[in-house]
Amino acid sequence: MKDFVISVNNIVLYVSLAVIWLIALTAMFTSGFLPALGIFVGGTLVWCIVSGFWFVQSATYEELRKLNSNKS
């Protein structure tokens, strides 16, 4: 079950990055270059922080699972 949750959350993370970039692209034509650049940089930075925490957590889970399977 945890593997399924990890794969779904990874998909959600990348879809959210695509949405952030689409919003920045739309803002470029509606608001101008600087607001769009702010959305792009700020949104990507927030996404990197969130996904970094998520990937560390999921990698930790994978390592713990390997350790537990070796003990048995």
C-alpha atoms as a PDB file:
ATOM      1  CA  MET A   1       0.000   0.000   0.000  1.00  0.00           C
ATOM      2  CA  LYS A   2       2.833   2.383   0.857  1.00  0.00           C
ATOM      3  CA  ASP A   3       4.420   1.815  -2.588  1.00  0.00           C
ATOM      4  CA  PHE A   4       1.155   2.811  -4.234  1.00  0.00           C
ATOM      5  CA  VAL A   5       0.938   5.972  -2.132  1.00  0.00           C
ATOM      6  CA  ILE A   6       4.544   6.883  -3.001  1.00  0.00           C
ATOM      7  CA  SER A   7       3.936   6.446  -6.736  1.00  0.00           C
ATOM      8  CA  VAL A   8       0.688   8.459  -6.658  1.00  0.00           C
ATOM      9  CA  ASN A   9       2.319  11.251  -4.670  1.00  0.00           C
ATOM     10  CA  ASN A  10       5.238  11.370  -7.123  1.00  0.00           C
ATOM     11  CA  ILE A  11       2.767  11.774  -9.995  1.00  0.00           C
ATOM     12  CA  VAL A  12       0.923  14.482  -8.067  1.00  0.00           C
ATOM     13  CA  LEU A  13       4.193  16.327  -7.442  1.00  0.00           C
ATOM     14  CA  TYR A  14       5.134  16.410 -11.122  1.00  0.00           C
ATOM     15  CA  VAL A  15       1.621  17.374 -12.208  1.00  0.00           C
ATOM     16  CA  SER A  16       1.708  20.234  -9.699  1.00  0.00           C
ATOM     17  CA  LEU A  17       5.033  21.408 -11.161  1.00  0.00           C
ATOM     18  CA  ALA A  18       3.475  21.395 -14.628  1.00  0.00           C
ATOM     19  CA  VAL A  19       0.535  23.436 -13.297  1.00  0.00           C
ATOM     20  CA  ILE A  20       2.919  25.964 -11.728  1.00  0.00           C
ATOM     21  CA  TRP A  21       4.741  26.349 -15.048  1.00  0.00           C
ATOM     22  CA  LEU A  22       1.451  26.695 -16.967  1.00  0.00           C
ATOM     23  CA  ILE A  23       0.297  29.398 -14.562  1.00  0.00           C
ATOM     24  CA  ALA A  24       3.626  31.206 -15.041  1.00  0.00           C
ATOM     25  CA  LEU A  25       3.289  30.924 -18.816  1.00  0.00           C
ATOM     26  CA  THR A  26      -0.266  32.275 -18.665  1.00  0.00           C
ATOM     27  CA  ALA A  27       0.840  35.090 -16.372  1.00  0.00           C
ATOM     28  CA  MET A  28       3.499  36.078 -18.892  1.00  0.00           C
ATOM     29  CA  PHE A  29       0.810  36.955 -21.420  1.00  0.00           C
ATOM     30  CA  THR A  30      -1.662  38.465 -18.959  1.00  0.00           C
ATOM     31  CA  SER A  31       0.429  40.182 -16.274  1.00  0.00           C
ATOM     32  CA  GLY A  32       3.827  40.656 -17.853  1.00  0.00           C
ATOM     33  CA  PHE A  33       7.287  39.170 -17.707  1.00  0.00           C
ATOM     34  CA  LEU A  34       8.355  40.042 -14.150  1.00  0.00           C
ATOM     35  CA  PRO A  35       5.248  38.700 -12.374  1.00  0.00           C
ATOM     36  CA  ALA A  36       5.473  35.552 -14.490  1.00  0.00           C
ATOM     37  CA  LEU A  37       9.152  35.187 -13.625  1.00  0.00           C
ATOM     38  CA  GLY A  38       8.274  35.578  -9.941  1.00  0.00           C
ATOM     39  CA  ILE A  39       5.617  32.869 -10.197  1.00  0.00           C
ATOM     40  CA  PHE A  40       7.994  30.591 -12.081  1.00  0.00           C
ATOM     41  CA  VAL A  41      10.943  31.033  -9.709  1.00  0.00           C
ATOM     42  CA  GLY A  42       8.906  31.161  -6.496  1.00  0.00           C
ATOM     43  CA  GLY A  43       6.651  28.267  -7.443  1.00  0.00           C
ATOM     44  CA  THR A  44       9.551  26.115  -8.580  1.00  0.00           C
ATOM     45  CA  LEU A  45      11.480  26.884  -5.387  1.00  0.00           C
ATOM     46  CA  VAL A  46       8.516  25.924  -3.194  1.00  0.00           C
ATOM     47  CA  TRP A  47       8.015  22.790  -5.296  1.00  0.00           C
ATOM     48  CA  CYS A  48      11.698  21.855  -4.857  1.00  0.00           C
ATOM     49  CA  ILE A  49      11.441  22.215  -1.088  1.00  0.00           C
ATOM     50  CA  VAL A  50       8.240  20.168  -0.843  1.00  0.00           C
ATOM     51  CA  SER A  51       9.423  17.477  -3.242  1.00  0.00           C
ATOM     52  CA  GLY A  52      12.799  17.316  -1.497  1.00  0.00           C
ATOM     53  CA  PHE A  53      11.111  16.512   1.793  1.00  0.00           C
ATOM     54  CA  TRP A  54       8.899  13.984   0.058  1.00  0.00           C
ATOM     55  CA  PHE A  55      11.719  12.229  -1.797  1.00  0.00           C
ATOM     56  CA  VAL A  56      13.861  12.030   1.352  1.00  0.00           C
ATOM     57  CA  GLN A  57      10.941  10.526   3.243  1.00  0.00           C
ATOM     58  CA  SER A  58      10.192   7.980   0.523  1.00  0.00           C
ATOM     59  CA  ALA A  59      13.890   7.076   0.148  1.00  0.00           C
ATOM     60  CA  THR A  60      14.109   6.594   3.913  1.00  0.00           C
ATOM     61  CA  TYR A  61      11.112   4.276   3.706  1.00  0.00           C
ATOM     62  CA  GLU A  62      12.794   2.261   0.932  1.00  0.00           C
ATOM     63  CA  GLU A  63      16.031   1.944   2.916  1.00  0.00           C
ATOM     64  CA  LEU A  64      14.178   0.874   6.050  1.00  0.00           C
ATOM     65  CA  ARG A  65      12.255  -1.699   4.036  1.00  0.00           C
ATOM     66  CA  LYS A  66      15.524  -3.117   2.656  1.00  0.00           C
ATOM     67  CA  LEU A  67      17.018  -3.309   6.135  1.00  0.00           C
ATOM     68  CA  ASN A  68      13.950  -5.055   7.525  1.00  0.00           C
ATOM     69  CA  SER A  69      13.897  -7.592   4.681  1.00  0.00           C
ATOM     70  CA  ASN A  70      17.587  -8.439   5.284  1.00  0.00           C
ATOM     71  CA  LYS A  71      16.984  -9.178   8.967  1.00  0.00           C
ATOM     72  CA  SER A  72      14.327 -11.797   8.273  1.00  0.00           C
END
